[in-house]
Every structure is written in structure tokens, then in C-alpha cells.
Amino acid sequence: MSGKSVELRHQSSREEIANYINGAFETSNIVDICKAIGAATYLHNVSDIARKSGIERGTVYRAFAGRKHPNFKTVLNVLDAMGFRLQVTVRQGERAKGAFATKFRT
């Protein structure tokens, strides 16, 4: 993931976990993102994550096991249950042109 050799461990702080997951999001690679979230779930009580997210425990395990990609709602619910949130930021580089860029400017 993003060239960083960061490993999560049971003593990882919430900030270290967030940085680890954010590093995966920086790659824009769904496999890396799922692996990072999956690794973070193992540092929490998965039964508690399941209860707080409204997702069955087995589904939480399977969602980030790497065989299939979880849906966006599952990602958001699991991140929220672990006490994290997803936030959109502006990145540098080429992007799609807005169709209504002038219409919606404030």
C-alpha cells in the first residue's frame, strides 16, 4: 500500500489505524482499501462492530476477507462502528470537468 511499510498491531492508536486506512484510500485500490479496513476490524471486537453496524458478524468477516468487495453501505457502517468516518478531500491532478460548474458556484 502506497509504498509505506506501516503495520497495524494490537497497540496501534486510533490515529495510527486511521492513517493506515487513509493510506489505503490514497491508493484508490479497492483491494488495498478492503485489506486495511479488514486489518482494522481485527483490532476491535468484531461482535461489537457487527452489533453497532447492524451487520451480521460473519458478514463483517466476509466483507473484508478479499474474496468479494463489500458494498459502500457496509464500508461506511463498519468504519462508523469502529469510530471512523469517511471524508472527501480535494486532490491534485486531472479530473472530470463539471457539467454545471458555473451554475452551482457560490
PDB file of N, CA and C in Angstrom:
ATOM      1  N   MET A   1       0.824  -1.188   0.000  1.00  0.00           N
ATOM      2  CA  MET A   1       0.000   0.000   0.000  1.00  0.00           C
ATOM      3  C   MET A   1       0.860   1.239   0.000  1.00  0.00           C
ATOM      4  N   SER A   2       0.694   2.048  -0.948  1.00  0.00           N
ATOM      5  CA  SER A   2       1.322   3.366  -1.096  1.00  0.00           C
ATOM      6  C   SER A   2       2.797   3.419  -0.722  1.00  0.00           C
ATOM      7  N   GLY A   3       3.492   2.273  -0.796  1.00  0.00           N
ATOM      8  CA  GLY A   3       4.915   2.264  -0.537  1.00  0.00           C
ATOM      9  C   GLY A   3       5.295   2.391   0.922  1.00  0.00           C
ATOM     10  N   LYS A   4       4.357   2.529   1.807  1.00  0.00           N
ATOM     11  CA  LYS A   4       4.658   2.669   3.226  1.00  0.00           C
ATOM     12  C   LYS A   4       4.654   1.284   3.869  1.00  0.00           C
ATOM     13  N   SER A   5       5.623   1.039   4.728  1.00  0.00           N
ATOM     14  CA  SER A   5       5.687  -0.257   5.389  1.00  0.00           C
ATOM     15  C   SER A   5       5.108  -0.144   6.803  1.00  0.00           C
ATOM     16  N   VAL A   6       3.892   0.351   6.887  1.00  0.00           N
ATOM     17  CA  VAL A   6       3.217   0.514   8.164  1.00  0.00           C
ATOM     18  C   VAL A   6       2.432  -0.756   8.459  1.00  0.00           C
ATOM     19  N   GLU A   7       2.569  -1.241   9.655  1.00  0.00           N
ATOM     20  CA  GLU A   7       1.840  -2.433  10.080  1.00  0.00           C
ATOM     21  C   GLU A   7       0.954  -2.059  11.255  1.00  0.00           C
ATOM     22  N   LEU A   8      -0.223  -2.625  11.291  1.00  0.00           N
ATOM     23  CA  LEU A   8      -1.070  -2.444  12.460  1.00  0.00           C
ATOM     24  C   LEU A   8      -0.722  -3.502  13.487  1.00  0.00           C
ATOM     25  N   ARG A   9      -0.820  -3.138  14.748  1.00  0.00           N
ATOM     26  CA  ARG A   9      -0.588  -4.082  15.833  1.00  0.00           C
ATOM     27  C   ARG A   9      -1.623  -3.793  16.906  1.00  0.00           C
ATOM     28  N   HIS A  10      -1.788  -4.695  17.836  1.00  0.00           N
ATOM     29  CA  HIS A  10      -2.824  -4.544  18.862  1.00  0.00           C
ATOM     30  C   HIS A  10      -2.669  -3.261  19.665  1.00  0.00           C
ATOM     31  N   GLN A  11      -1.475  -2.711  19.740  1.00  0.00           N
ATOM     32  CA  GLN A  11      -1.235  -1.491  20.485  1.00  0.00           C
ATOM     33  C   GLN A  11      -1.413  -0.231  19.625  1.00  0.00           C
ATOM     34  N   SER A  12      -1.821  -0.386  18.367  1.00  0.00           N
ATOM     35  CA  SER A  12      -1.970   0.764  17.477  1.00  0.00           C
ATOM     36  C   SER A  12      -3.013   1.726  18.032  1.00  0.00           C
ATOM     37  N   SER A  13      -2.683   3.018  17.971  1.00  0.00           N
ATOM     38  CA  SER A  13      -3.630   4.040  18.415  1.00  0.00           C
ATOM     39  C   SER A  13      -4.706   4.222  17.350  1.00  0.00           C
ATOM     40  N   ARG A  14      -5.784   4.884  17.735  1.00  0.00           N
ATOM     41  CA  ARG A  14      -6.849   5.164  16.776  1.00  0.00           C
ATOM     42  C   ARG A  14      -6.308   6.009  15.621  1.00  0.00           C
ATOM     43  N   GLU A  15      -5.406   6.923  15.922  1.00  0.00           N
ATOM     44  CA  GLU A  15      -4.818   7.757  14.871  1.00  0.00           C
ATOM     45  C   GLU A  15      -3.970   6.920  13.918  1.00  0.00           C
ATOM     46  N   GLU A  16      -3.203   5.974  14.442  1.00  0.00           N
ATOM     47  CA  GLU A  16      -2.396   5.090  13.591  1.00  0.00           C
ATOM     48  C   GLU A  16      -3.299   4.238  12.695  1.00  0.00           C
ATOM     49  N   ILE A  17      -4.396   3.767  13.256  1.00  0.00           N
ATOM     50  CA  ILE A  17      -5.342   2.961  12.468  1.00  0.00           C
ATOM     51  C   ILE A  17      -5.946   3.828  11.370  1.00  0.00           C
ATOM     52  N   ALA A  18      -6.368   5.041  11.721  1.00  0.00           N
ATOM     53  CA  ALA A  18      -6.941   5.956  10.723  1.00  0.00           C
ATOM     54  C   ALA A  18      -5.930   6.256   9.625  1.00  0.00           C
ATOM     55  N   ASN A  19      -4.684   6.506   9.991  1.00  0.00           N
ATOM     56  CA  ASN A  19      -3.636   6.777   8.995  1.00  0.00           C
ATOM     57  C   ASN A  19      -3.416   5.577   8.083  1.00  0.00           C
ATOM     58  N   TYR A  20      -3.479   4.389   8.654  1.00  0.00           N
ATOM     59  CA  TYR A  20      -3.312   3.159   7.881  1.00  0.00           C
ATOM     60  C   TYR A  20      -4.430   3.022   6.840  1.00  0.00           C
ATOM     61  N   ILE A  21      -5.670   3.235   7.276  1.00  0.00           N
ATOM     62  CA  ILE A  21      -6.810   3.137   6.359  1.00  0.00           C
ATOM     63  C   ILE A  21      -6.743   4.255   5.322  1.00  0.00           C
ATOM     64  N   ASN A  22      -6.405   5.473   5.745  1.00  0.00           N
ATOM     65  CA  ASN A  22      -6.277   6.583   4.801  1.00  0.00           C
ATOM     66  C   ASN A  22      -5.195   6.313   3.759  1.00  0.00           C
ATOM     67  N   GLY A  23      -4.109   5.686   4.175  1.00  0.00           N
ATOM     68  CA  GLY A  23      -3.057   5.315   3.223  1.00  0.00           C
ATOM     69  C   GLY A  23      -3.587   4.385   2.144  1.00  0.00           C
ATOM     70  N   ALA A  24      -4.470   3.485   2.542  1.00  0.00           N
ATOM     71  CA  ALA A  24      -5.075   2.585   1.564  1.00  0.00           C
ATOM     72  C   ALA A  24      -5.992   3.352   0.617  1.00  0.00           C
ATOM     73  N   PHE A  25      -6.771   4.281   1.156  1.00  0.00           N
ATOM     74  CA  PHE A  25      -7.643   5.089   0.302  1.00  0.00           C
ATOM     75  C   PHE A  25      -6.839   5.917  -0.690  1.00  0.00           C
ATOM     76  N   GLU A  26      -5.645   6.348  -0.313  1.00  0.00           N
ATOM     77  CA  GLU A  26      -4.795   7.127  -1.215  1.00  0.00           C
ATOM     78  C   GLU A  26      -4.389   6.327  -2.448  1.00  0.00           C
ATOM     79  N   THR A  27      -4.377   5.010  -2.341  1.00  0.00           N
ATOM     80  CA  THR A  27      -4.010   4.175  -3.488  1.00  0.00           C
ATOM     81  C   THR A  27      -5.136   4.070  -4.506  1.00  0.00           C
ATOM     82  N   SER A  28      -6.368   4.354  -4.074  1.00  0.00           N
ATOM     83  CA  SER A  28      -7.565   4.179  -4.909  1.00  0.00           C
ATOM     84  C   SER A  28      -7.729   2.733  -5.368  1.00  0.00           C
ATOM     85  N   ASN A  29      -7.128   1.815  -4.642  1.00  0.00           N
ATOM     86  CA  ASN A  29      -7.187   0.396  -4.976  1.00  0.00           C
ATOM     87  C   ASN A  29      -8.143  -0.287  -4.006  1.00  0.00           C
ATOM     88  N   ILE A  30      -9.251  -0.809  -4.525  1.00  0.00           N
ATOM     89  CA  ILE A  30     -10.281  -1.399  -3.669  1.00  0.00           C
ATOM     90  C   ILE A  30      -9.741  -2.566  -2.843  1.00  0.00           C
ATOM     91  N   VAL A  31      -8.821  -3.334  -3.384  1.00  0.00           N
ATOM     92  CA  VAL A  31      -8.246  -4.458  -2.648  1.00  0.00           C
ATOM     93  C   VAL A  31      -7.454  -3.950  -1.440  1.00  0.00           C
ATOM     94  N   ASP A  32      -6.617  -2.925  -1.651  1.00  0.00           N
ATOM     95  CA  ASP A  32      -5.859  -2.336  -0.543  1.00  0.00           C
ATOM     96  C   ASP A  32      -6.775  -1.743   0.516  1.00  0.00           C
ATOM     97  N   ILE A  33      -7.833  -1.072   0.071  1.00  0.00           N
ATOM     98  CA  ILE A  33      -8.777  -0.456   1.000  1.00  0.00           C
ATOM     99  C   ILE A  33      -9.463  -1.526   1.848  1.00  0.00           C
ATOM    100  N   CYS A  34      -9.925  -2.576   1.208  1.00  0.00           N
ATOM    101  CA  CYS A  34     -10.596  -3.663   1.940  1.00  0.00           C
ATOM    102  C   CYS A  34      -9.646  -4.362   2.909  1.00  0.00           C
ATOM    103  N   LYS A  35      -8.415  -4.579   2.491  1.00  0.00           N
ATOM    104  CA  LYS A  35      -7.424  -5.204   3.375  1.00  0.00           C
ATOM    105  C   LYS A  35      -7.172  -4.338   4.597  1.00  0.00           C
ATOM    106  N   ALA A  36      -7.068  -3.029   4.396  1.00  0.00           N
ATOM    107  CA  ALA A  36      -6.795  -2.111   5.504  1.00  0.00           C
ATOM    108  C   ALA A  36      -7.967  -2.083   6.485  1.00  0.00           C
ATOM    109  N   ILE A  37      -9.177  -1.996   5.969  1.00  0.00           N
ATOM    110  CA  ILE A  37     -10.342  -1.993   6.852  1.00  0.00           C
ATOM    111  C   ILE A  37     -10.462  -3.337   7.551  1.00  0.00           C
ATOM    112  N   GLY A  38     -10.209  -4.407   6.827  1.00  0.00           N
ATOM    113  CA  GLY A  38     -10.244  -5.737   7.426  1.00  0.00           C
ATOM    114  C   GLY A  38      -9.230  -5.882   8.548  1.00  0.00           C
ATOM    115  N   ALA A  39      -8.018  -5.388   8.326  1.00  0.00           N
ATOM    116  CA  ALA A  39      -6.984  -5.446   9.372  1.00  0.00           C
ATOM    117  C   ALA A  39      -7.421  -4.652  10.599  1.00  0.00           C
ATOM    118  N   ALA A  40      -8.067  -3.521  10.368  1.00  0.00           N
ATOM    119  CA  ALA A  40      -8.542  -2.694  11.483  1.00  0.00           C
ATOM    120  C   ALA A  40      -9.648  -3.392  12.262  1.00  0.00           C
ATOM    121  N   THR A  41     -10.497  -4.145  11.565  1.00  0.00           N
ATOM    122  CA  THR A  41     -11.581  -4.834  12.287  1.00  0.00           C
ATOM    123  C   THR A  41     -11.026  -5.855  13.261  1.00  0.00           C
ATOM    124  N   TYR A  42      -9.892  -6.460  12.930  1.00  0.00           N
ATOM    125  CA  TYR A  42      -9.294  -7.458  13.825  1.00  0.00           C
ATOM    126  C   TYR A  42      -8.727  -6.841  15.103  1.00  0.00           C
ATOM    127  N   LEU A  43      -8.569  -5.525  15.119  1.00  0.00           N
ATOM    128  CA  LEU A  43      -8.097  -4.851  16.324  1.00  0.00           C
ATOM    129  C   LEU A  43      -9.262  -4.442  17.226  1.00  0.00           C
ATOM    130  N   HIS A  44     -10.458  -4.696  16.776  1.00  0.00           N
ATOM    131  CA  HIS A  44     -11.667  -4.386  17.528  1.00  0.00           C
ATOM    132  C   HIS A  44     -12.405  -5.684  17.853  1.00  0.00           C
ATOM    133  N   ASN A  45     -13.398  -5.589  18.669  1.00  0.00           N
ATOM    134  CA  ASN A  45     -14.277  -6.713  18.942  1.00  0.00           C
ATOM    135  C   ASN A  45     -15.264  -6.798  17.782  1.00  0.00           C
ATOM    136  N   VAL A  46     -15.121  -7.813  16.944  1.00  0.00           N
ATOM    137  CA  VAL A  46     -15.929  -7.913  15.731  1.00  0.00           C
ATOM    138  C   VAL A  46     -17.407  -8.059  16.071  1.00  0.00           C
ATOM    139  N   SER A  47     -17.719  -8.730  17.157  1.00  0.00           N
ATOM    140  CA  SER A  47     -19.123  -8.836  17.566  1.00  0.00           C
ATOM    141  C   SER A  47     -19.697  -7.455  17.876  1.00  0.00           C
ATOM    142  N   ASP A  48     -18.885  -6.613  18.499  1.00  0.00           N
ATOM    143  CA  ASP A  48     -19.314  -5.256  18.808  1.00  0.00           C
ATOM    144  C   ASP A  48     -19.481  -4.438  17.525  1.00  0.00           C
ATOM    145  N   ILE A  49     -18.547  -4.584  16.587  1.00  0.00           N
ATOM    146  CA  ILE A  49     -18.667  -3.906  15.292  1.00  0.00           C
ATOM    147  C   ILE A  49     -19.956  -4.338  14.603  1.00  0.00           C
ATOM    148  N   ALA A  50     -20.218  -5.634  14.607  1.00  0.00           N
ATOM    149  CA  ALA A  50     -21.424  -6.158  13.966  1.00  0.00           C
ATOM    150  C   ALA A  50     -22.679  -5.565  14.599  1.00  0.00           C
ATOM    151  N   ARG A  51     -22.723  -5.543  15.906  1.00  0.00           N
ATOM    152  CA  ARG A  51     -23.895  -5.014  16.613  1.00  0.00           C
ATOM    153  C   ARG A  51     -24.092  -3.532  16.299  1.00  0.00           C
ATOM    154  N   LYS A  52     -23.008  -2.749  16.388  1.00  0.00           N
ATOM    155  CA  LYS A  52     -23.104  -1.307  16.160  1.00  0.00           C
ATOM    156  C   LYS A  52     -23.404  -0.960  14.705  1.00  0.00           C
ATOM    157  N   SER A  53     -22.952  -1.795  13.785  1.00  0.00           N
ATOM    158  CA  SER A  53     -23.156  -1.512  12.361  1.00  0.00           C
ATOM    159  C   SER A  53     -24.453  -2.097  11.827  1.00  0.00           C
ATOM    160  N   GLY A  54     -25.069  -3.000  12.590  1.00  0.00           N
ATOM    161  CA  GLY A  54     -26.289  -3.644  12.121  1.00  0.00           C
ATOM    162  C   GLY A  54     -26.023  -4.705  11.069  1.00  0.00           C
ATOM    163  N   ILE A  55     -24.798  -5.209  11.045  1.00  0.00           N
ATOM    164  CA  ILE A  55     -24.382  -6.224  10.075  1.00  0.00           C
ATOM    165  C   ILE A  55     -24.015  -7.487  10.845  1.00  0.00           C
ATOM    166  N   GLU A  56     -24.378  -8.640  10.320  1.00  0.00           N
ATOM    167  CA  GLU A  56     -24.036  -9.889  10.998  1.00  0.00           C
ATOM    168  C   GLU A  56     -22.524 -10.057  11.077  1.00  0.00           C
ATOM    169  N   ARG A  57     -22.087 -10.672  12.174  1.00  0.00           N
ATOM    170  CA  ARG A  57     -20.651 -10.857  12.435  1.00  0.00           C
ATOM    171  C   ARG A  57     -19.945 -11.549  11.270  1.00  0.00           C
ATOM    172  N   GLY A  58     -20.518 -12.624  10.788  1.00  0.00           N
ATOM    173  CA  GLY A  58     -19.919 -13.356   9.667  1.00  0.00           C
ATOM    174  C   GLY A  58     -19.811 -12.507   8.418  1.00  0.00           C
ATOM    175  N   THR A  59     -20.778 -11.635   8.229  1.00  0.00           N
ATOM    176  CA  THR A  59     -20.763 -10.738   7.075  1.00  0.00           C
ATOM    177  C   THR A  59     -19.628  -9.732   7.188  1.00  0.00           C
ATOM    178  N   VAL A  60     -19.365  -9.260   8.403  1.00  0.00           N
ATOM    179  CA  VAL A  60     -18.242  -8.334   8.607  1.00  0.00           C
ATOM    180  C   VAL A  60     -16.937  -9.027   8.218  1.00  0.00           C
ATOM    181  N   TYR A  61     -16.749 -10.266   8.686  1.00  0.00           N
ATOM    182  CA  TYR A  61     -15.536 -11.007   8.329  1.00  0.00           C
ATOM    183  C   TYR A  61     -15.434 -11.194   6.816  1.00  0.00           C
ATOM    184  N   ARG A  62     -16.523 -11.664   6.200  1.00  0.00           N
ATOM    185  CA  ARG A  62     -16.501 -11.941   4.760  1.00  0.00           C
ATOM    186  C   ARG A  62     -16.326 -10.676   3.925  1.00  0.00           C
ATOM    187  N   ALA A  63     -16.891  -9.563   4.386  1.00  0.00           N
ATOM    188  CA  ALA A  63     -16.858  -8.324   3.602  1.00  0.00           C
ATOM    189  C   ALA A  63     -15.440  -7.853   3.309  1.00  0.00           C
ATOM    190  N   PHE A  64     -14.528  -8.139   4.234  1.00  0.00           N
ATOM    191  CA  PHE A  64     -13.160  -7.623   4.083  1.00  0.00           C
ATOM    192  C   PHE A  64     -12.124  -8.740   3.969  1.00  0.00           C
ATOM    193  N   ALA A  65     -12.593  -9.943   3.641  1.00  0.00           N
ATOM    194  CA  ALA A  65     -11.694 -11.100   3.519  1.00  0.00           C
ATOM    195  C   ALA A  65     -10.932 -11.122   2.198  1.00  0.00           C
ATOM    196  N   GLY A  66     -11.368 -10.336   1.222  1.00  0.00           N
ATOM    197  CA  GLY A  66     -10.643 -10.258  -0.037  1.00  0.00           C
ATOM    198  C   GLY A  66     -11.242 -11.049  -1.176  1.00  0.00           C
ATOM    199  N   ARG A  67     -12.243 -11.879  -0.901  1.00  0.00           N
ATOM    200  CA  ARG A  67     -12.833 -12.659  -1.991  1.00  0.00           C
ATOM    201  C   ARG A  67     -13.806 -11.825  -2.815  1.00  0.00           C
ATOM    202  N   LYS A  68     -14.579 -10.984  -2.136  1.00  0.00           N
ATOM    203  CA  LYS A  68     -15.536 -10.093  -2.791  1.00  0.00           C
ATOM    204  C   LYS A  68     -15.346  -8.704  -2.213  1.00  0.00           C
ATOM    205  N   HIS A  69     -15.833  -7.716  -2.924  1.00  0.00           N
ATOM    206  CA  HIS A  69     -15.754  -6.346  -2.431  1.00  0.00           C
ATOM    207  C   HIS A  69     -17.058  -5.999  -1.712  1.00  0.00           C
ATOM    208  N   PRO A  70     -16.946  -5.406  -0.540  1.00  0.00           N
ATOM    209  CA  PRO A  70     -18.163  -5.029   0.180  1.00  0.00           C
ATOM    210  C   PRO A  70     -18.869  -3.873  -0.514  1.00  0.00           C
ATOM    211  N   ASN A  71     -20.166  -3.744  -0.251  1.00  0.00           N
ATOM    212  CA  ASN A  71     -20.855  -2.589  -0.813  1.00  0.00           C
ATOM    213  C   ASN A  71     -20.512  -1.351   0.013  1.00  0.00           C
ATOM    214  N   PHE A  72     -20.814  -0.197  -0.533  1.00  0.00           N
ATOM    215  CA  PHE A  72     -20.419   1.064   0.082  1.00  0.00           C
ATOM    216  C   PHE A  72     -21.081   1.249   1.446  1.00  0.00           C
ATOM    217  N   LYS A  73     -22.317   0.839   1.573  1.00  0.00           N
ATOM    218  CA  LYS A  73     -23.020   0.957   2.852  1.00  0.00           C
ATOM    219  C   LYS A  73     -22.311   0.149   3.929  1.00  0.00           C
ATOM    220  N   THR A  74     -21.854  -1.038   3.596  1.00  0.00           N
ATOM    221  CA  THR A  74     -21.119  -1.868   4.558  1.00  0.00           C
ATOM    222  C   THR A  74     -19.838  -1.180   4.990  1.00  0.00           C
ATOM    223  N   VAL A  75     -19.105  -0.620   4.040  1.00  0.00           N
ATOM    224  CA  VAL A  75     -17.864   0.096   4.362  1.00  0.00           C
ATOM    225  C   VAL A  75     -18.156   1.235   5.329  1.00  0.00           C
ATOM    226  N   LEU A  76     -19.147   2.060   5.004  1.00  0.00           N
ATOM    227  CA  LEU A  76     -19.481   3.193   5.859  1.00  0.00           C
ATOM    228  C   LEU A  76     -19.939   2.751   7.243  1.00  0.00           C
ATOM    229  N   ASN A  77     -20.784   1.722   7.303  1.00  0.00           N
ATOM    230  CA  ASN A  77     -21.284   1.250   8.594  1.00  0.00           C
ATOM    231  C   ASN A  77     -20.183   0.663   9.464  1.00  0.00           C
ATOM    232  N   VAL A  78     -19.265  -0.071   8.876  1.00  0.00           N
ATOM    233  CA  VAL A  78     -18.168  -0.668   9.644  1.00  0.00           C
ATOM    234  C   VAL A  78     -17.202   0.415  10.115  1.00  0.00           C
ATOM    235  N   LEU A  79     -16.857   1.353   9.242  1.00  0.00           N
ATOM    236  CA  LEU A  79     -15.995   2.460   9.666  1.00  0.00           C
ATOM    237  C   LEU A  79     -16.642   3.226  10.817  1.00  0.00           C
ATOM    238  N   ASP A  80     -17.933   3.502  10.699  1.00  0.00           N
ATOM    239  CA  ASP A  80     -18.654   4.227  11.746  1.00  0.00           C
ATOM    240  C   ASP A  80     -18.653   3.428  13.052  1.00  0.00           C
ATOM    241  N   ALA A  81     -18.880   2.142  12.975  1.00  0.00           N
ATOM    242  CA  ALA A  81     -18.902   1.299  14.173  1.00  0.00           C
ATOM    243  C   ALA A  81     -17.550   1.287  14.882  1.00  0.00           C
ATOM    244  N   MET A  82     -16.466   1.435  14.113  1.00  0.00           N
ATOM    245  CA  MET A  82     -15.133   1.481  14.710  1.00  0.00           C
ATOM    246  C   MET A  82     -14.762   2.885  15.183  1.00  0.00           C
ATOM    247  N   GLY A  83     -15.646   3.853  14.914  1.00  0.00           N
ATOM    248  CA  GLY A  83     -15.394   5.214  15.355  1.00  0.00           C
ATOM    249  C   GLY A  83     -14.667   6.073  14.339  1.00  0.00           C
ATOM    250  N   PHE A  84     -14.761   5.687  13.073  1.00  0.00           N
ATOM    251  CA  PHE A  84     -14.128   6.444  11.997  1.00  0.00           C
ATOM    252  C   PHE A  84     -15.190   6.952  11.041  1.00  0.00           C
ATOM    253  N   ARG A  85     -14.818   7.921  10.222  1.00  0.00           N
ATOM    254  CA  ARG A  85     -15.712   8.401   9.185  1.00  0.00           C
ATOM    255  C   ARG A  85     -14.915   8.633   7.918  1.00  0.00           C
ATOM    256  N   LEU A  86     -15.601   8.576   6.828  1.00  0.00           N
ATOM    257  CA  LEU A  86     -15.002   8.818   5.531  1.00  0.00           C
ATOM    258  C   LEU A  86     -15.199  10.289   5.206  1.00  0.00           C
ATOM    259  N   GLN A  87     -14.154  10.932   4.711  1.00  0.00           N
ATOM    260  CA  GLN A  87     -14.228  12.350   4.392  1.00  0.00           C
ATOM    261  C   GLN A  87     -13.606  12.572   3.019  1.00  0.00           C
ATOM    262  N   VAL A  88     -14.270  13.351   2.218  1.00  0.00           N
ATOM    263  CA  VAL A  88     -13.774  13.660   0.882  1.00  0.00           C
ATOM    264  C   VAL A  88     -12.877  14.886   0.952  1.00  0.00           C
ATOM    265  N   THR A  89     -11.723  14.817   0.290  1.00  0.00           N
ATOM    266  CA  THR A  89     -10.805  15.946   0.216  1.00  0.00           C
ATOM    267  C   THR A  89     -10.453  16.203  -1.243  1.00  0.00           C
ATOM    268  N   VAL A  90      -9.986  17.380  -1.520  1.00  0.00           N
ATOM    269  CA  VAL A  90      -9.580  17.744  -2.874  1.00  0.00           C
ATOM    270  C   VAL A  90      -8.184  17.182  -3.126  1.00  0.00           C
ATOM    271  N   ARG A  91      -8.013  16.554  -4.260  1.00  0.00           N
ATOM    272  CA  ARG A  91      -6.695  16.057  -4.628  1.00  0.00           C
ATOM    273  C   ARG A  91      -6.206  16.817  -5.838  1.00  0.00           C
ATOM    274  N   GLN A  92      -4.922  16.824  -6.030  1.00  0.00           N
ATOM    275  CA  GLN A  92      -4.314  17.487  -7.178  1.00  0.00           C
ATOM    276  C   GLN A  92      -4.372  16.551  -8.377  1.00  0.00           C
ATOM    277  N   GLY A  93      -4.322  17.111  -9.532  1.00  0.00           N
ATOM    278  CA  GLY A  93      -4.285  16.291 -10.732  1.00  0.00           C
ATOM    279  C   GLY A  93      -5.521  16.455 -11.582  1.00  0.00           C
ATOM    280  N   GLU A  94      -5.507  15.768 -12.701  1.00  0.00           N
ATOM    281  CA  GLU A  94      -6.584  15.863 -13.669  1.00  0.00           C
ATOM    282  C   GLU A  94      -7.864  15.246 -13.121  1.00  0.00           C
ATOM    283  N   ARG A  95      -8.962  15.848 -13.476  1.00  0.00           N
ATOM    284  CA  ARG A  95     -10.252  15.355 -13.019  1.00  0.00           C
ATOM    285  C   ARG A  95     -11.305  15.624 -14.090  1.00  0.00           C
ATOM    286  N   ALA A  96     -12.444  15.013 -13.935  1.00  0.00           N
ATOM    287  CA  ALA A  96     -13.535  15.225 -14.879  1.00  0.00           C
ATOM    288  C   ALA A  96     -14.032  16.662 -14.782  1.00  0.00           C
ATOM    289  N   LYS A  97     -14.440  17.190 -15.895  1.00  0.00           N
ATOM    290  CA  LYS A  97     -14.975  18.557 -15.913  1.00  0.00           C
ATOM    291  C   LYS A  97     -16.415  18.537 -15.417  1.00  0.00           C
ATOM    292  N   GLY A  98     -16.747  19.524 -14.630  1.00  0.00           N
ATOM    293  CA  GLY A  98     -18.104  19.630 -14.112  1.00  0.00           C
ATOM    294  C   GLY A  98     -19.057  20.153 -15.169  1.00  0.00           C
ATOM    295  N   ALA A  99     -20.187  19.497 -15.347  1.00  0.00           N
ATOM    296  CA  ALA A  99     -21.168  19.916 -16.343  1.00  0.00           C
ATOM    297  C   ALA A  99     -21.878  21.190 -15.919  1.00  0.00           C
ATOM    298  N   PHE A 100     -22.027  21.368 -14.605  1.00  0.00           N
ATOM    299  CA  PHE A 100     -22.767  22.516 -14.102  1.00  0.00           C
ATOM    300  C   PHE A 100     -21.882  23.405 -13.247  1.00  0.00           C
ATOM    301  N   ALA A 101     -20.617  23.456 -13.549  1.00  0.00           N
ATOM    302  CA  ALA A 101     -19.650  24.162 -12.708  1.00  0.00           C
ATOM    303  C   ALA A 101     -20.034  25.623 -12.497  1.00  0.00           C
ATOM    304  N   THR A 102     -20.465  26.308 -13.502  1.00  0.00           N
ATOM    305  CA  THR A 102     -20.803  27.719 -13.340  1.00  0.00           C
ATOM    306  C   THR A 102     -22.172  27.895 -12.694  1.00  0.00           C
ATOM    307  N   LYS A 103     -23.081  26.990 -12.925  1.00  0.00           N
ATOM    308  CA  LYS A 103     -24.433  27.089 -12.396  1.00  0.00           C
ATOM    309  C   LYS A 103     -24.497  26.989 -10.877  1.00  0.00           C
ATOM    310  N   PHE A 104     -23.653  26.137 -10.293  1.00  0.00           N
ATOM    311  CA  PHE A 104     -23.738  25.859  -8.861  1.00  0.00           C
ATOM    312  C   PHE A 104     -22.653  26.525  -8.030  1.00  0.00           C
ATOM    313  N   ARG A 105     -21.868  27.378  -8.589  1.00  0.00           N
ATOM    314  CA  ARG A 105     -20.827  28.064  -7.819  1.00  0.00           C
ATOM    315  C   ARG A 105     -21.456  29.023  -6.840  1.00  0.00           C
ATOM    316  N   THR A 106     -20.832  29.098  -5.671  1.00  0.00           N
ATOM    317  CA  THR A 106     -21.342  30.024  -4.652  1.00  0.00           C
ATOM    318  C   THR A 106     -20.372  31.149  -4.434  1.00  0.00           C
TER     319      THR A 106
END
